[in-house]
Amino acid sequence: MGYKIAVLGATGNVGQEMLNILAEREFPADEVVALASRRSQGTEVSYGDRTLKVKTLDAYDFKGIDICLMATSGVMSAEWAPKIAAKGCVVIDNSSKWRMDPDVPLIVPEVNAAAIAGYTKKNIIANPNCSTAQMVVALKPLHDAAGIRRIVVSTYQSVSGAGKEAMDELFTQTRAIFVNDNLVIENFTKQIAFNVIPHIDEFMEDGQTKEEWKMTVETKKILDPKIKVTATCVRVPVFVGHSEAINIEFERPISDDEARDILREAPGCLVVDKREDGGYVTPIESVGEYATYVSRIRVDPTIENGLNIWVVSDNLRKGAALNAVQIAEILGARYLKKAA
């Protein structure tokens, strides 16, 4: 007997990827339900070679659903996740609402899968920020080997992280520039086409943005609370695929060759690191892939025990949808144990 799965937010970028990945990985589901707000009722979405009609969240009874993958806003998650969890359905939430709740495990399967066991406190599991997820996949094996003391990360985040409307805005602004139309700014604080914007999410009192704060606190919760983290998060005119330049200070010596060997064996990582033209991964090569790619591995001679690495991943996949499905797979195999 397989599971009954609901995907809430099924018409959005991440929700559609969740359905794609459930089908690709042949998740043992007897039933998959696509859910969204009332305005999307009746819309059709793809699930493998099947088409699902979207049902309305307000009218849906989650009784009998085993797992709900949520790809909604934090506001909607705050309202609905506890209601869904109270029906006996385990919620895997992609919003930021529950990530720092001490009673909700924040999971990246390659890093802290054992923490999934804590889901029973609220029947909710949190998915981290997309930038955090790919970063800790690359950092976990290095931390195990040499102990990370401090991380300085600068991100190059694609517009898909801000939703479908943001992707449309990049397209329409780019077209407008080429055909000399009026350029409309709606989803970003400044023009995104042919530009970069050092501002993601709202500003906080200390000057960092909430996106930068998320990377800091989530990395500590997932990887190690003792690690010092500072981030600068930047939106770039790329449709899909987040990139990160990461400077790492270790407690113990580690060479670039050692790091390369460690990462080649690490779960979820794929090293592409040749010191030649094109011997590295860019966002466009990561689209549609599961891996977290690591390139440009080199010693930082300005600090003791320092390395620089370049990390790229499909943010809609590993940064969101794939991570959630991987959590569901572990949840089913280790804890729910319903499928044959």
C-alpha atoms as a PDB file:
ATOM      1  CA  MET A   1       0.000   0.000   0.000  1.00  0.00           C
ATOM      2  CA  GLY A   2       1.354   3.407  -0.970  1.00  0.00           C
ATOM      3  CA  TYR A   3       0.939   6.846   0.518  1.00  0.00           C
ATOM      4  CA  LYS A   4      -1.619   9.547  -0.060  1.00  0.00           C
ATOM      5  CA  ILE A   5       0.181  12.793  -0.840  1.00  0.00           C
ATOM      6  CA  ALA A   6      -1.102  16.355  -1.132  1.00  0.00           C
ATOM      7  CA  VAL A   7       0.846  19.154  -2.821  1.00  0.00           C
ATOM      8  CA  LEU A   8      -0.386  22.538  -1.626  1.00  0.00           C
ATOM      9  CA  GLY A   9       0.552  25.419  -3.923  1.00  0.00           C
ATOM     10  CA  ALA A  10       0.554  23.063  -6.899  1.00  0.00           C
ATOM     11  CA  THR A  11       0.223  25.819  -9.506  1.00  0.00           C
ATOM     12  CA  GLY A  12       3.372  27.709  -8.443  1.00  0.00           C
ATOM     13  CA  ASN A  13       6.971  27.149  -9.575  1.00  0.00           C
ATOM     14  CA  VAL A  14       7.938  25.041  -6.555  1.00  0.00           C
ATOM     15  CA  GLY A  15       4.650  23.139  -6.371  1.00  0.00           C
ATOM     16  CA  GLN A  16       4.933  22.097 -10.005  1.00  0.00           C
ATOM     17  CA  GLU A  17       8.503  20.947  -9.409  1.00  0.00           C
ATOM     18  CA  MET A  18       7.345  18.918  -6.407  1.00  0.00           C
ATOM     19  CA  LEU A  19       4.871  17.079  -8.646  1.00  0.00           C
ATOM     20  CA  ASN A  20       7.546  16.552 -11.308  1.00  0.00           C
ATOM     21  CA  ILE A  21      10.015  15.119  -8.825  1.00  0.00           C
ATOM     22  CA  LEU A  22       7.473  12.877  -7.085  1.00  0.00           C
ATOM     23  CA  ALA A  23       6.817  11.342 -10.515  1.00  0.00           C
ATOM     24  CA  GLU A  24      10.477  11.211 -11.593  1.00  0.00           C
ATOM     25  CA  ARG A  25      11.574   9.465  -8.410  1.00  0.00           C
ATOM     26  CA  GLU A  26       8.544   7.132  -8.452  1.00  0.00           C
ATOM     27  CA  PHE A  27       7.509   8.050  -4.942  1.00  0.00           C
ATOM     28  CA  PRO A  28       5.261   5.242  -3.638  1.00  0.00           C
ATOM     29  CA  ALA A  29       1.999   7.156  -3.777  1.00  0.00           C
ATOM     30  CA  ASP A  30      -1.398   5.582  -4.353  1.00  0.00           C
ATOM     31  CA  GLU A  31      -2.947   9.027  -4.606  1.00  0.00           C
ATOM     32  CA  VAL A  32      -1.558  12.510  -5.302  1.00  0.00           C
ATOM     33  CA  VAL A  33      -3.797  15.531  -4.774  1.00  0.00           C
ATOM     34  CA  ALA A  34      -2.990  18.966  -6.223  1.00  0.00           C
ATOM     35  CA  LEU A  35      -4.258  21.828  -4.076  1.00  0.00           C
ATOM     36  CA  ALA A  36      -4.233  25.617  -4.380  1.00  0.00           C
ATOM     37  CA  SER A  37      -6.316  28.665  -3.556  1.00  0.00           C
ATOM     38  CA  ARG A  38      -9.871  29.076  -4.828  1.00  0.00           C
ATOM     39  CA  ARG A  39      -8.820  31.123  -7.865  1.00  0.00           C
ATOM     40  CA  SER A  40      -6.888  28.109  -9.218  1.00  0.00           C
ATOM     41  CA  GLN A  41      -9.735  25.612  -8.847  1.00  0.00           C
ATOM     42  CA  GLY A  42     -10.022  23.424 -11.930  1.00  0.00           C
ATOM     43  CA  THR A  43      -6.617  24.379 -13.291  1.00  0.00           C
ATOM     44  CA  GLU A  44      -4.728  21.377 -14.656  1.00  0.00           C
ATOM     45  CA  VAL A  45      -1.178  20.491 -13.610  1.00  0.00           C
ATOM     46  CA  SER A  46       1.133  17.698 -14.740  1.00  0.00           C
ATOM     47  CA  TYR A  47       2.120  14.727 -12.621  1.00  0.00           C
ATOM     48  CA  GLY A  48       4.345  12.486 -14.704  1.00  0.00           C
ATOM     49  CA  ASP A  49       2.308  11.410 -17.719  1.00  0.00           C
ATOM     50  CA  ARG A  50      -0.927  12.211 -15.905  1.00  0.00           C
ATOM     51  CA  THR A  51      -2.881  15.448 -15.537  1.00  0.00           C
ATOM     52  CA  LEU A  52      -4.346  16.457 -12.188  1.00  0.00           C
ATOM     53  CA  LYS A  53      -7.179  18.912 -11.658  1.00  0.00           C
ATOM     54  CA  VAL A  54      -6.405  21.375  -8.891  1.00  0.00           C
ATOM     55  CA  LYS A  55      -8.727  21.223  -5.904  1.00  0.00           C
ATOM     56  CA  THR A  56      -9.541  24.084  -3.551  1.00  0.00           C
ATOM     57  CA  LEU A  57      -7.760  24.157  -0.216  1.00  0.00           C
ATOM     58  CA  ASP A  58     -10.714  25.687   1.659  1.00  0.00           C
ATOM     59  CA  ALA A  59     -13.009  22.784   0.807  1.00  0.00           C
ATOM     60  CA  TYR A  60     -10.526  19.931   1.197  1.00  0.00           C
ATOM     61  CA  ASP A  61     -10.551  17.477   4.109  1.00  0.00           C
ATOM     62  CA  PHE A  62      -7.033  16.184   4.793  1.00  0.00           C
ATOM     63  CA  LYS A  63      -8.249  13.141   6.700  1.00  0.00           C
ATOM     64  CA  GLY A  64      -6.439  10.108   5.284  1.00  0.00           C
ATOM     65  CA  ILE A  65      -3.634  12.136   3.655  1.00  0.00           C
ATOM     66  CA  ASP A  66      -0.261  10.952   4.941  1.00  0.00           C
ATOM     67  CA  ILE A  67       2.048  13.785   3.826  1.00  0.00           C
ATOM     68  CA  CYS A  68       1.379  17.320   2.635  1.00  0.00           C
ATOM     69  CA  LEU A  69       4.120  19.137   0.734  1.00  0.00           C
ATOM     70  CA  MET A  70       3.462  22.861   1.196  1.00  0.00           C
ATOM     71  CA  ALA A  71       4.748  25.416  -1.314  1.00  0.00           C
ATOM     72  CA  THR A  72       2.922  28.497  -0.074  1.00  0.00           C
ATOM     73  CA  SER A  73       3.629  31.780   1.680  1.00  0.00           C
ATOM     74  CA  GLY A  74       4.563  31.950   5.335  1.00  0.00           C
ATOM     75  CA  VAL A  75       1.226  33.618   6.090  1.00  0.00           C
ATOM     76  CA  MET A  76      -0.712  30.745   4.562  1.00  0.00           C
ATOM     77  CA  SER A  77       1.535  28.198   6.246  1.00  0.00           C
ATOM     78  CA  ALA A  78       0.969  29.827   9.636  1.00  0.00           C
ATOM     79  CA  GLU A  79      -2.769  29.405   9.192  1.00  0.00           C
ATOM     80  CA  TRP A  80      -2.958  26.012   7.491  1.00  0.00           C
ATOM     81  CA  ALA A  81       0.024  23.893   8.570  1.00  0.00           C
ATOM     82  CA  PRO A  82      -1.269  23.348  12.154  1.00  0.00           C
ATOM     83  CA  LYS A  83      -4.778  22.577  10.851  1.00  0.00           C
ATOM     84  CA  ILE A  84      -3.441  20.025   8.370  1.00  0.00           C
ATOM     85  CA  ALA A  85      -1.072  18.522  10.953  1.00  0.00           C
ATOM     86  CA  ALA A  86      -3.965  18.130  13.396  1.00  0.00           C
ATOM     87  CA  LYS A  87      -5.622  15.778  10.883  1.00  0.00           C
ATOM     88  CA  GLY A  88      -2.705  13.364  11.317  1.00  0.00           C
ATOM     89  CA  CYS A  89      -0.993  14.468   8.104  1.00  0.00           C
ATOM     90  CA  VAL A  90       2.740  15.276   8.298  1.00  0.00           C
ATOM     91  CA  VAL A  91       3.412  18.705   6.780  1.00  0.00           C
ATOM     92  CA  ILE A  92       6.693  19.376   4.952  1.00  0.00           C
ATOM     93  CA  ASP A  93       6.691  23.147   4.648  1.00  0.00           C
ATOM     94  CA  ASN A  94       8.766  25.180   2.199  1.00  0.00           C
ATOM     95  CA  SER A  95       8.045  28.613   3.700  1.00  0.00           C
ATOM     96  CA  SER A  96      10.123  30.382   6.338  1.00  0.00           C
ATOM     97  CA  LYS A  97       7.344  30.224   8.958  1.00  0.00           C
ATOM     98  CA  TRP A  98       8.457  27.164  10.937  1.00  0.00           C
ATOM     99  CA  ARG A  99      12.200  26.987  10.272  1.00  0.00           C
ATOM    100  CA  MET A 100      13.388  28.460  13.558  1.00  0.00           C
ATOM    101  CA  ASP A 101      10.685  26.880  15.731  1.00  0.00           C
ATOM    102  CA  PRO A 102      12.585  24.710  18.240  1.00  0.00           C
ATOM    103  CA  ASP A 103       9.877  22.043  18.007  1.00  0.00           C
ATOM    104  CA  VAL A 104      10.105  21.782  14.206  1.00  0.00           C
ATOM    105  CA  PRO A 105      13.066  19.995  12.589  1.00  0.00           C
ATOM    106  CA  LEU A 106      14.802  21.956   9.795  1.00  0.00           C
ATOM    107  CA  ILE A 107      16.092  19.344   7.384  1.00  0.00           C
ATOM    108  CA  VAL A 108      18.549  18.897   4.538  1.00  0.00           C
ATOM    109  CA  PRO A 109      18.664  15.090   4.127  1.00  0.00           C
ATOM    110  CA  GLU A 110      22.365  14.897   3.181  1.00  0.00           C
ATOM    111  CA  VAL A 111      23.233  16.869   6.320  1.00  0.00           C
ATOM    112  CA  ASN A 112      20.915  16.085   9.248  1.00  0.00           C
ATOM    113  CA  ALA A 113      18.440  13.379   8.245  1.00  0.00           C
ATOM    114  CA  ALA A 114      18.358  11.955  11.789  1.00  0.00           C
ATOM    115  CA  ALA A 115      16.674  15.150  13.013  1.00  0.00           C
ATOM    116  CA  ILE A 116      13.526  14.188  11.072  1.00  0.00           C
ATOM    117  CA  ALA A 117      12.570  12.094  14.114  1.00  0.00           C
ATOM    118  CA  GLY A 118      11.570  15.316  15.868  1.00  0.00           C
ATOM    119  CA  TYR A 119       8.578  15.801  13.549  1.00  0.00           C
ATOM    120  CA  THR A 120       6.226  14.194  16.082  1.00  0.00           C
ATOM    121  CA  LYS A 121       6.178  17.306  18.301  1.00  0.00           C
ATOM    122  CA  LYS A 122       4.063  19.297  15.832  1.00  0.00           C
ATOM    123  CA  ASN A 123       3.714  16.974  12.817  1.00  0.00           C
ATOM    124  CA  ILE A 124       5.584  19.643  10.820  1.00  0.00           C
ATOM    125  CA  ILE A 125       9.002  19.519   9.122  1.00  0.00           C
ATOM    126  CA  ALA A 126      10.600  22.653   7.703  1.00  0.00           C
ATOM    127  CA  ASN A 127      12.466  22.990   4.417  1.00  0.00           C
ATOM    128  CA  PRO A 128      15.301  25.560   4.571  1.00  0.00           C
ATOM    129  CA  ASN A 129      15.888  28.589   2.408  1.00  0.00           C
ATOM    130  CA  CYS A 130      17.014  27.582  -1.088  1.00  0.00           C
ATOM    131  CA  SER A 131      20.414  29.257  -0.692  1.00  0.00           C
ATOM    132  CA  THR A 132      21.002  27.628   2.679  1.00  0.00           C
ATOM    133  CA  ALA A 133      20.128  24.164   1.373  1.00  0.00           C
ATOM    134  CA  GLN A 134      22.726  24.018  -1.384  1.00  0.00           C
ATOM    135  CA  MET A 135      25.384  25.636   0.785  1.00  0.00           C
ATOM    136  CA  VAL A 136      25.139  23.173   3.670  1.00  0.00           C
ATOM    137  CA  VAL A 137      25.177  20.187   1.284  1.00  0.00           C
ATOM    138  CA  ALA A 138      28.630  21.324   0.162  1.00  0.00           C
ATOM    139  CA  LEU A 139      29.832  22.376   3.624  1.00  0.00           C
ATOM    140  CA  LYS A 140      28.775  19.357   5.720  1.00  0.00           C
ATOM    141  CA  PRO A 141      31.523  16.965   4.521  1.00  0.00           C
ATOM    142  CA  LEU A 142      34.146  19.707   4.863  1.00  0.00           C
ATOM    143  CA  HIS A 143      32.943  20.522   8.371  1.00  0.00           C
ATOM    144  CA  ASP A 144      33.191  16.860   9.331  1.00  0.00           C
ATOM    145  CA  ALA A 145      36.761  16.756   8.035  1.00  0.00           C
ATOM    146  CA  ALA A 146      38.259  19.980   9.364  1.00  0.00           C
ATOM    147  CA  GLY A 147      35.695  21.841  11.478  1.00  0.00           C
ATOM    148  CA  ILE A 148      34.319  25.073  10.042  1.00  0.00           C
ATOM    149  CA  ARG A 149      34.899  28.152  12.165  1.00  0.00           C
ATOM    150  CA  ARG A 150      33.559  30.923   9.904  1.00  0.00           C
ATOM    151  CA  ILE A 151      31.698  31.311   6.593  1.00  0.00           C
ATOM    152  CA  VAL A 152      31.556  34.394   4.371  1.00  0.00           C
ATOM    153  CA  VAL A 153      29.090  33.860   1.525  1.00  0.00           C
ATOM    154  CA  SER A 154      27.954  36.042  -1.353  1.00  0.00           C
ATOM    155  CA  THR A 155      24.974  34.750  -3.323  1.00  0.00           C
ATOM    156  CA  TYR A 156      23.944  35.214  -6.944  1.00  0.00           C
ATOM    157  CA  GLN A 157      20.260  34.260  -6.759  1.00  0.00           C
ATOM    158  CA  SER A 158      18.024  33.709  -9.766  1.00  0.00           C
ATOM    159  CA  VAL A 159      14.669  35.423 -10.160  1.00  0.00           C
ATOM    160  CA  SER A 160      12.751  32.136  -9.924  1.00  0.00           C
ATOM    161  CA  GLY A 161      13.395  32.303  -6.188  1.00  0.00           C
ATOM    162  CA  ALA A 162      10.958  35.228  -6.126  1.00  0.00           C
ATOM    163  CA  GLY A 163       8.212  33.380  -8.033  1.00  0.00           C
ATOM    164  CA  LYS A 164       6.677  33.180 -11.491  1.00  0.00           C
ATOM    165  CA  GLU A 165       5.813  36.892 -11.611  1.00  0.00           C
ATOM    166  CA  ALA A 166       9.459  37.746 -11.014  1.00  0.00           C
ATOM    167  CA  MET A 167      10.521  35.480 -13.885  1.00  0.00           C
ATOM    168  CA  ASP A 168       7.962  37.182 -16.119  1.00  0.00           C
ATOM    169  CA  GLU A 169       9.327  40.575 -15.109  1.00  0.00           C
ATOM    170  CA  LEU A 170      12.865  39.659 -16.122  1.00  0.00           C
ATOM    171  CA  PHE A 171      11.554  38.482 -19.492  1.00  0.00           C
ATOM    172  CA  THR A 172       9.371  41.525 -20.145  1.00  0.00           C
ATOM    173  CA  GLN A 173      12.035  44.009 -19.021  1.00  0.00           C
ATOM    174  CA  THR A 174      14.641  42.356 -21.244  1.00  0.00           C
ATOM    175  CA  ARG A 175      12.277  42.459 -24.210  1.00  0.00           C
ATOM    176  CA  ALA A 176      11.332  46.076 -23.458  1.00  0.00           C
ATOM    177  CA  ILE A 177      14.966  47.151 -23.573  1.00  0.00           C
ATOM    178  CA  PHE A 178      15.525  45.501 -26.951  1.00  0.00           C
ATOM    179  CA  VAL A 179      12.380  46.930 -28.571  1.00  0.00           C
ATOM    180  CA  ASN A 180      12.542  50.297 -26.772  1.00  0.00           C
ATOM    181  CA  ASP A 181       9.283  49.856 -24.840  1.00  0.00           C
ATOM    182  CA  ASN A 182       8.498  51.307 -21.421  1.00  0.00           C
ATOM    183  CA  LEU A 183      10.266  49.362 -18.689  1.00  0.00           C
ATOM    184  CA  VAL A 184       7.932  48.350 -15.841  1.00  0.00           C
ATOM    185  CA  ILE A 185       9.221  47.572 -12.318  1.00  0.00           C
ATOM    186  CA  GLU A 186       6.718  45.696 -10.122  1.00  0.00           C
ATOM    187  CA  ASN A 187       8.344  42.749  -8.368  1.00  0.00           C
ATOM    188  CA  PHE A 188      11.788  44.173  -7.625  1.00  0.00           C
ATOM    189  CA  THR A 189      13.021  47.387  -6.062  1.00  0.00           C
ATOM    190  CA  LYS A 190      15.026  48.269  -9.176  1.00  0.00           C
ATOM    191  CA  GLN A 191      15.394  47.105 -12.772  1.00  0.00           C
ATOM    192  CA  ILE A 192      16.477  43.452 -12.820  1.00  0.00           C
ATOM    193  CA  ALA A 193      17.210  43.080 -16.540  1.00  0.00           C
ATOM    194  CA  PHE A 194      20.950  43.602 -17.195  1.00  0.00           C
ATOM    195  CA  ASN A 195      21.393  44.518 -13.521  1.00  0.00           C
ATOM    196  CA  VAL A 196      22.052  43.012 -10.075  1.00  0.00           C
ATOM    197  CA  ILE A 197      20.177  43.968  -6.906  1.00  0.00           C
ATOM    198  CA  PRO A 198      21.864  43.554  -3.477  1.00  0.00           C
ATOM    199  CA  HIS A 199      18.530  43.257  -1.710  1.00  0.00           C
ATOM    200  CA  ILE A 200      16.418  40.128  -1.132  1.00  0.00           C
ATOM    201  CA  ASP A 201      13.518  40.224   1.345  1.00  0.00           C
ATOM    202  CA  GLU A 202      13.038  43.060   3.822  1.00  0.00           C
ATOM    203  CA  PHE A 203      15.726  45.020   5.659  1.00  0.00           C
ATOM    204  CA  MET A 204      16.321  44.385   9.361  1.00  0.00           C
ATOM    205  CA  GLU A 205      17.437  46.859  12.037  1.00  0.00           C
ATOM    206  CA  ASP A 206      21.093  45.811  11.892  1.00  0.00           C
ATOM    207  CA  GLY A 207      21.312  46.497   8.140  1.00  0.00           C
ATOM    208  CA  GLN A 208      21.209  42.937   6.857  1.00  0.00           C
ATOM    209  CA  THR A 209      18.260  41.667   4.874  1.00  0.00           C
ATOM    210  CA  LYS A 210      15.998  38.894   6.105  1.00  0.00           C
ATOM    211  CA  GLU A 211      17.398  36.592   3.398  1.00  0.00           C
ATOM    212  CA  GLU A 212      20.905  37.111   4.805  1.00  0.00           C
ATOM    213  CA  TRP A 213      19.620  36.516   8.321  1.00  0.00           C
ATOM    214  CA  LYS A 214      17.931  33.291   7.193  1.00  0.00           C
ATOM    215  CA  MET A 215      21.188  31.937   5.788  1.00  0.00           C
ATOM    216  CA  THR A 216      22.928  32.669   9.080  1.00  0.00           C
ATOM    217  CA  VAL A 217      20.439  31.197  11.536  1.00  0.00           C
ATOM    218  CA  GLU A 218      19.426  28.250   9.354  1.00  0.00           C
ATOM    219  CA  THR A 219      23.035  27.187   8.781  1.00  0.00           C
ATOM    220  CA  LYS A 220      23.603  27.220  12.515  1.00  0.00           C
ATOM    221  CA  LYS A 221      20.490  25.146  13.199  1.00  0.00           C
ATOM    222  CA  ILE A 222      21.194  22.595  10.463  1.00  0.00           C
ATOM    223  CA  LEU A 223      24.978  22.340  10.591  1.00  0.00           C
ATOM    224  CA  ASP A 224      26.474  23.648  13.849  1.00  0.00           C
ATOM    225  CA  PRO A 225      25.424  26.528  16.164  1.00  0.00           C
ATOM    226  CA  LYS A 226      29.073  27.438  16.803  1.00  0.00           C
ATOM    227  CA  ILE A 227      29.816  28.374  13.176  1.00  0.00           C
ATOM    228  CA  LYS A 228      30.001  32.104  12.446  1.00  0.00           C
ATOM    229  CA  VAL A 229      28.185  33.085   9.249  1.00  0.00           C
ATOM    230  CA  THR A 230      27.946  36.361   7.344  1.00  0.00           C
ATOM    231  CA  ALA A 231      26.079  36.650   4.049  1.00  0.00           C
ATOM    232  CA  THR A 232      25.409  39.132   1.260  1.00  0.00           C
ATOM    233  CA  CYS A 233      22.437  38.059  -0.864  1.00  0.00           C
ATOM    234  CA  VAL A 234      22.090  39.417  -4.400  1.00  0.00           C
ATOM    235  CA  ARG A 235      19.393  38.944  -7.049  1.00  0.00           C
ATOM    236  CA  VAL A 236      20.808  38.489 -10.556  1.00  0.00           C
ATOM    237  CA  PRO A 237      19.183  38.371 -14.039  1.00  0.00           C
ATOM    238  CA  VAL A 238      19.194  34.571 -14.278  1.00  0.00           C
ATOM    239  CA  PHE A 239      15.926  32.636 -14.614  1.00  0.00           C
ATOM    240  CA  VAL A 240      16.824  29.463 -12.667  1.00  0.00           C
ATOM    241  CA  GLY A 241      19.865  28.423 -10.634  1.00  0.00           C
ATOM    242  CA  HIS A 242      21.445  29.980  -7.557  1.00  0.00           C
ATOM    243  CA  SER A 243      25.214  30.458  -7.285  1.00  0.00           C
ATOM    244  CA  GLU A 244      27.343  31.155  -4.224  1.00  0.00           C
ATOM    245  CA  ALA A 245      30.921  32.273  -3.659  1.00  0.00           C
ATOM    246  CA  ILE A 246      31.844  30.859  -0.260  1.00  0.00           C
ATOM    247  CA  ASN A 247      34.928  31.671   1.797  1.00  0.00           C
ATOM    248  CA  ILE A 248      35.508  29.163   4.609  1.00  0.00           C
ATOM    249  CA  GLU A 249      37.817  29.340   7.619  1.00  0.00           C
ATOM    250  CA  PHE A 250      38.520  25.970   9.254  1.00  0.00           C
ATOM    251  CA  GLU A 251      39.718  24.938  12.684  1.00  0.00           C
ATOM    252  CA  ARG A 252      42.173  22.429  11.247  1.00  0.00           C
ATOM    253  CA  PRO A 253      44.324  22.442   8.093  1.00  0.00           C
ATOM    254  CA  ILE A 254      42.720  21.236   4.858  1.00  0.00           C
ATOM    255  CA  SER A 255      44.183  21.524   1.369  1.00  0.00           C
ATOM    256  CA  ASP A 256      42.265  22.157  -1.834  1.00  0.00           C
ATOM    257  CA  ASP A 257      43.157  18.650  -3.023  1.00  0.00           C
ATOM    258  CA  GLU A 258      41.792  17.134   0.187  1.00  0.00           C
ATOM    259  CA  ALA A 259      38.608  19.174  -0.110  1.00  0.00           C
ATOM    260  CA  ARG A 260      38.177  18.121  -3.725  1.00  0.00           C
ATOM    261  CA  ASP A 261      38.533  14.431  -2.825  1.00  0.00           C
ATOM    262  CA  ILE A 262      36.099  14.771   0.093  1.00  0.00           C
ATOM    263  CA  LEU A 263      33.466  16.528  -1.994  1.00  0.00           C
ATOM    264  CA  ARG A 264      33.737  13.975  -4.805  1.00  0.00           C
ATOM    265  CA  GLU A 265      32.567  11.326  -2.337  1.00  0.00           C
ATOM    266  CA  ALA A 266      29.944  13.469  -0.607  1.00  0.00           C
ATOM    267  CA  PRO A 267      26.232  12.702  -1.042  1.00  0.00           C
ATOM    268  CA  GLY A 268      24.444  15.214  -3.242  1.00  0.00           C
ATOM    269  CA  CYS A 269      27.644  16.878  -4.467  1.00  0.00           C
ATOM    270  CA  LEU A 270      29.161  16.846  -7.933  1.00  0.00           C
ATOM    271  CA  VAL A 271      32.630  18.350  -8.350  1.00  0.00           C
ATOM    272  CA  VAL A 272      33.393  20.059 -11.666  1.00  0.00           C
ATOM    273  CA  ASP A 273      36.709  21.762 -11.041  1.00  0.00           C
ATOM    274  CA  LYS A 274      39.205  22.048 -13.860  1.00  0.00           C
ATOM    275  CA  ARG A 275      41.517  25.034 -13.926  1.00  0.00           C
ATOM    276  CA  GLU A 276      40.822  25.873 -17.529  1.00  0.00           C
ATOM    277  CA  ASP A 277      38.299  27.788 -19.607  1.00  0.00           C
ATOM    278  CA  GLY A 278      34.841  26.392 -18.861  1.00  0.00           C
ATOM    279  CA  GLY A 279      36.117  24.000 -16.202  1.00  0.00           C
ATOM    280  CA  TYR A 280      33.394  25.011 -13.737  1.00  0.00           C
ATOM    281  CA  VAL A 281      29.604  24.985 -13.496  1.00  0.00           C
ATOM    282  CA  THR A 282      27.322  27.957 -14.131  1.00  0.00           C
ATOM    283  CA  PRO A 283      23.598  28.220 -13.303  1.00  0.00           C
ATOM    284  CA  ILE A 284      22.379  27.263 -16.754  1.00  0.00           C
ATOM    285  CA  GLU A 285      24.028  23.820 -16.481  1.00  0.00           C
ATOM    286  CA  SER A 286      22.329  23.131 -13.155  1.00  0.00           C
ATOM    287  CA  VAL A 287      18.764  23.561 -14.441  1.00  0.00           C
ATOM    288  CA  GLY A 288      16.741  20.364 -14.144  1.00  0.00           C
ATOM    289  CA  GLU A 289      19.490  18.565 -12.211  1.00  0.00           C
ATOM    290  CA  TYR A 290      19.463  17.176  -8.677  1.00  0.00           C
ATOM    291  CA  ALA A 291      23.114  17.807  -7.802  1.00  0.00           C
ATOM    292  CA  THR A 292      24.776  20.564  -5.850  1.00  0.00           C
ATOM    293  CA  TYR A 293      27.762  21.455  -8.026  1.00  0.00           C
ATOM    294  CA  VAL A 294      31.080  22.577  -6.548  1.00  0.00           C
ATOM    295  CA  SER A 295      33.776  24.344  -8.577  1.00  0.00           C
ATOM    296  CA  ARG A 296      36.704  26.768  -8.143  1.00  0.00           C
ATOM    297  CA  ILE A 297      38.067  24.958  -5.064  1.00  0.00           C
ATOM    298  CA  ARG A 298      41.196  26.805  -3.972  1.00  0.00           C
ATOM    299  CA  VAL A 299      43.200  27.819  -0.925  1.00  0.00           C
ATOM    300  CA  ASP A 300      42.658  31.282   0.551  1.00  0.00           C
ATOM    301  CA  PRO A 301      46.204  32.393   1.483  1.00  0.00           C
ATOM    302  CA  THR A 302      44.974  35.429   3.449  1.00  0.00           C
ATOM    303  CA  ILE A 303      43.715  33.403   6.431  1.00  0.00           C
ATOM    304  CA  GLU A 304      44.909  30.323   8.271  1.00  0.00           C
ATOM    305  CA  ASN A 305      43.130  27.149   7.130  1.00  0.00           C
ATOM    306  CA  GLY A 306      41.077  28.939   4.492  1.00  0.00           C
ATOM    307  CA  LEU A 307      39.364  27.756   1.300  1.00  0.00           C
ATOM    308  CA  ASN A 308      37.211  29.355  -1.393  1.00  0.00           C
ATOM    309  CA  ILE A 309      34.567  27.382  -3.277  1.00  0.00           C
ATOM    310  CA  TRP A 310      31.886  28.121  -5.902  1.00  0.00           C
ATOM    311  CA  VAL A 311      28.538  26.339  -5.397  1.00  0.00           C
ATOM    312  CA  VAL A 312      25.692  26.146  -7.927  1.00  0.00           C
ATOM    313  CA  SER A 313      22.327  24.381  -7.819  1.00  0.00           C
ATOM    314  CA  ASP A 314      18.844  24.465  -9.341  1.00  0.00           C
ATOM    315  CA  ASN A 315      17.038  26.414  -6.628  1.00  0.00           C
ATOM    316  CA  LEU A 316      13.609  25.084  -7.612  1.00  0.00           C
ATOM    317  CA  ARG A 317      14.885  21.532  -7.245  1.00  0.00           C
ATOM    318  CA  LYS A 318      17.498  21.023  -4.530  1.00  0.00           C
ATOM    319  CA  GLY A 319      16.705  24.386  -3.014  1.00  0.00           C
ATOM    320  CA  ALA A 320      13.040  23.549  -2.572  1.00  0.00           C
ATOM    321  CA  ALA A 321      11.108  20.745  -4.279  1.00  0.00           C
ATOM    322  CA  LEU A 322      13.727  17.979  -4.328  1.00  0.00           C
ATOM    323  CA  ASN A 323      14.686  18.620  -0.721  1.00  0.00           C
ATOM    324  CA  ALA A 324      11.033  18.298   0.325  1.00  0.00           C
ATOM    325  CA  VAL A 325      10.560  15.050  -1.609  1.00  0.00           C
ATOM    326  CA  GLN A 326      13.773  13.617  -0.141  1.00  0.00           C
ATOM    327  CA  ILE A 327      12.423  14.394   3.330  1.00  0.00           C
ATOM    328  CA  ALA A 328       9.162  12.632   2.412  1.00  0.00           C
ATOM    329  CA  GLU A 329      11.104   9.589   1.195  1.00  0.00           C
ATOM    330  CA  ILE A 330      13.013   9.302   4.482  1.00  0.00           C
ATOM    331  CA  LEU A 331       9.882   9.989   6.506  1.00  0.00           C
ATOM    332  CA  GLY A 332       8.096   7.155   4.739  1.00  0.00           C
ATOM    333  CA  ALA A 333      10.958   4.669   4.838  1.00  0.00           C
ATOM    334  CA  ARG A 334      11.976   5.213   8.471  1.00  0.00           C
ATOM    335  CA  TYR A 335       8.941   6.493  10.331  1.00  0.00           C
ATOM    336  CA  LEU A 336       5.573   6.054   8.594  1.00  0.00           C
ATOM    337  CA  LYS A 337       6.463   2.654   7.080  1.00  0.00           C
ATOM    338  CA  LYS A 338       3.227   2.302   5.188  1.00  0.00           C
ATOM    339  CA  ALA A 339       4.349   1.485   1.640  1.00  0.00           C
ATOM    340  CA  ALA A 340       5.026  -2.063   0.606  1.00  0.00           C
END
